[in-house]
Protein backbone atom coordinates (compact mmCIF):
# COMPACT_ATOMS: atom_id res chain seq x y z
CA MET A 1 9.30 13.61 -15.56
CA PRO A 2 6.72 11.47 -13.34
CA CYS A 3 7.64 8.62 -11.31
CA ILE A 4 5.37 5.35 -12.15
CA ILE A 5 5.00 3.44 -8.87
CA GLU A 6 3.24 -0.12 -9.64
CA VAL A 7 2.30 -2.80 -7.63
CA LEU A 8 1.60 -6.26 -8.68
CA SER A 9 -0.88 -7.58 -6.36
CA GLN A 10 -2.97 -10.84 -6.50
CA GLN A 11 -6.90 -10.21 -5.88
CA PRO A 12 -8.05 -10.13 -3.02
CA PRO A 13 -4.32 -8.46 -1.88
CA GLY A 14 -2.74 -10.52 0.98
CA GLY A 15 -0.50 -9.02 3.38
CA ARG A 16 2.68 -8.14 1.58
CA CYS A 17 0.34 -7.18 -1.71
CA MET A 18 -1.49 -4.83 0.71
CA LEU A 19 1.89 -3.58 2.23
CA TYR A 20 3.61 -2.71 -0.94
CA ALA A 21 0.00 -1.02 -1.80
CA ASN A 22 0.08 0.88 1.20
CA TYR A 23 3.77 2.02 0.42
CA ALA A 24 2.93 3.09 -2.91
CA LYS A 25 0.19 5.36 -1.56
CA VAL A 26 2.13 7.29 0.59
CA LEU A 27 4.77 7.92 -1.84
CA SER A 28 2.07 8.59 -4.54
CA THR A 29 1.19 12.16 -2.60
CA HIS A 30 4.19 12.95 -4.21
CA PRO A 31 3.16 15.65 -7.43
CA ASP A 32 5.50 13.94 -9.58
CA ALA A 33 4.21 10.04 -8.85
CA GLN A 34 1.71 8.00 -10.35
CA PHE A 35 0.15 5.21 -8.69
CA LYS A 36 -0.93 1.83 -10.22
CA VAL A 37 -2.26 -1.16 -8.92
CA THR A 38 -2.27 -4.38 -11.39
CA TYR A 39 -3.90 -7.41 -10.48
CA THR A 40 -2.28 -10.68 -11.89
CA GLU A 41 -2.57 -14.63 -11.00
CA VAL A 42 1.31 -14.89 -11.39
CA ARG A 43 3.17 -15.38 -8.71
CA ASP A 44 6.54 -14.24 -9.04
CA ALA A 45 7.72 -12.20 -5.59
CA HIS A 46 9.55 -9.09 -6.89
CA GLY A 47 9.36 -9.68 -10.49
CA ALA A 48 6.82 -9.55 -12.79
CA GLY A 49 3.87 -11.27 -10.70
CA PHE A 50 2.87 -10.46 -6.97
CA PRO A 51 3.60 -9.12 -4.74
CA SER A 52 6.20 -6.72 -6.34
CA LEU A 53 6.54 -2.94 -5.91
CA LEU A 54 7.99 -1.65 -9.67
CA ILE A 55 9.32 2.06 -9.82
CA ASN A 56 9.20 3.21 -13.20
CA ARG A 57 8.75 -0.57 -14.17
CA VAL A 58 12.08 -2.13 -12.60
CA PRO A 59 10.92 -4.32 -9.60
CA VAL A 60 12.53 -3.42 -6.10
CA GLN A 61 14.20 -6.01 -4.57
CA PRO A 62 14.39 -6.79 -0.82
CA ALA A 63 17.55 -6.70 0.93
CA ASP A 64 16.52 -9.80 2.92
CA GLY A 65 14.95 -11.69 -0.16
CA VAL A 66 11.73 -11.64 1.45
CA ILE A 67 9.92 -8.72 2.40
CA LEU A 68 10.87 -4.76 1.39
CA SER A 69 11.58 -2.95 3.97
CA PRO A 70 11.03 1.25 3.57
CA GLU A 71 15.11 1.60 3.33
CA ASP A 72 14.71 -0.53 0.22
CA VAL A 73 11.82 1.35 -1.09
CA CYS A 74 13.95 4.61 -0.57
CA ALA A 75 16.92 3.16 -2.06
CA ALA A 76 15.33 2.00 -5.47
CA LEU A 77 13.72 5.65 -5.48
CA GLY A 78 17.17 7.46 -5.24
CA GLN A 79 18.58 4.66 -8.08
CA ALA A 80 15.55 5.85 -10.09
CA GLY A 81 16.29 9.59 -9.58
CA PHE A 82 13.19 10.30 -8.41
CA PRO A 83 13.37 13.22 -5.54
CA ILE A 84 11.39 12.06 -2.48
CA GLY A 85 11.95 15.06 -0.16
CA ASN A 86 11.83 14.50 3.53
CA THR A 87 13.48 11.17 3.50
CA ALA A 88 13.22 10.74 7.37
CA ASP A 89 9.31 11.57 7.14
CA ILE A 90 8.93 9.12 4.25
CA LEU A 91 11.04 6.11 6.35
CA GLU A 92 8.89 6.86 9.38
CA GLN A 93 5.50 6.53 7.52
CA LEU A 94 6.65 3.56 5.62
CA ASN A 95 7.77 1.65 8.70
CA ALA A 96 4.69 2.71 10.33
CA LEU A 97 2.98 0.43 7.59
CA LEU A 98 5.74 -2.28 8.03
CA GLU A 99 5.19 -2.62 11.81
CA GLN A 100 1.60 -2.49 11.46
CA LEU A 101 1.92 -5.52 9.37
CA MET A 102 3.67 -7.52 11.83
CA ALA A 103 1.43 -6.83 14.81
């Protein structure tokens, strides 16, 4: 069963919208993943508006309440029952994206 990874983004995308889209691009390299960006004017972080990352239509919630960490994303994939493969490799790629945003 495919895993649908959707990003809810403003247009043009800002910092977190771009980060979440980049997270999704990394995850979408898995053959069972489908990647989708939905542009919306609704601001509802980690809910039904931007910036949000949804896995199988469920918004991923950040542990710190502000920004999704790579660990948050991997935990949500595990809860969705999606086999992401080498977790250390995925975490490394996602951490590089987060560090790039914070720089």
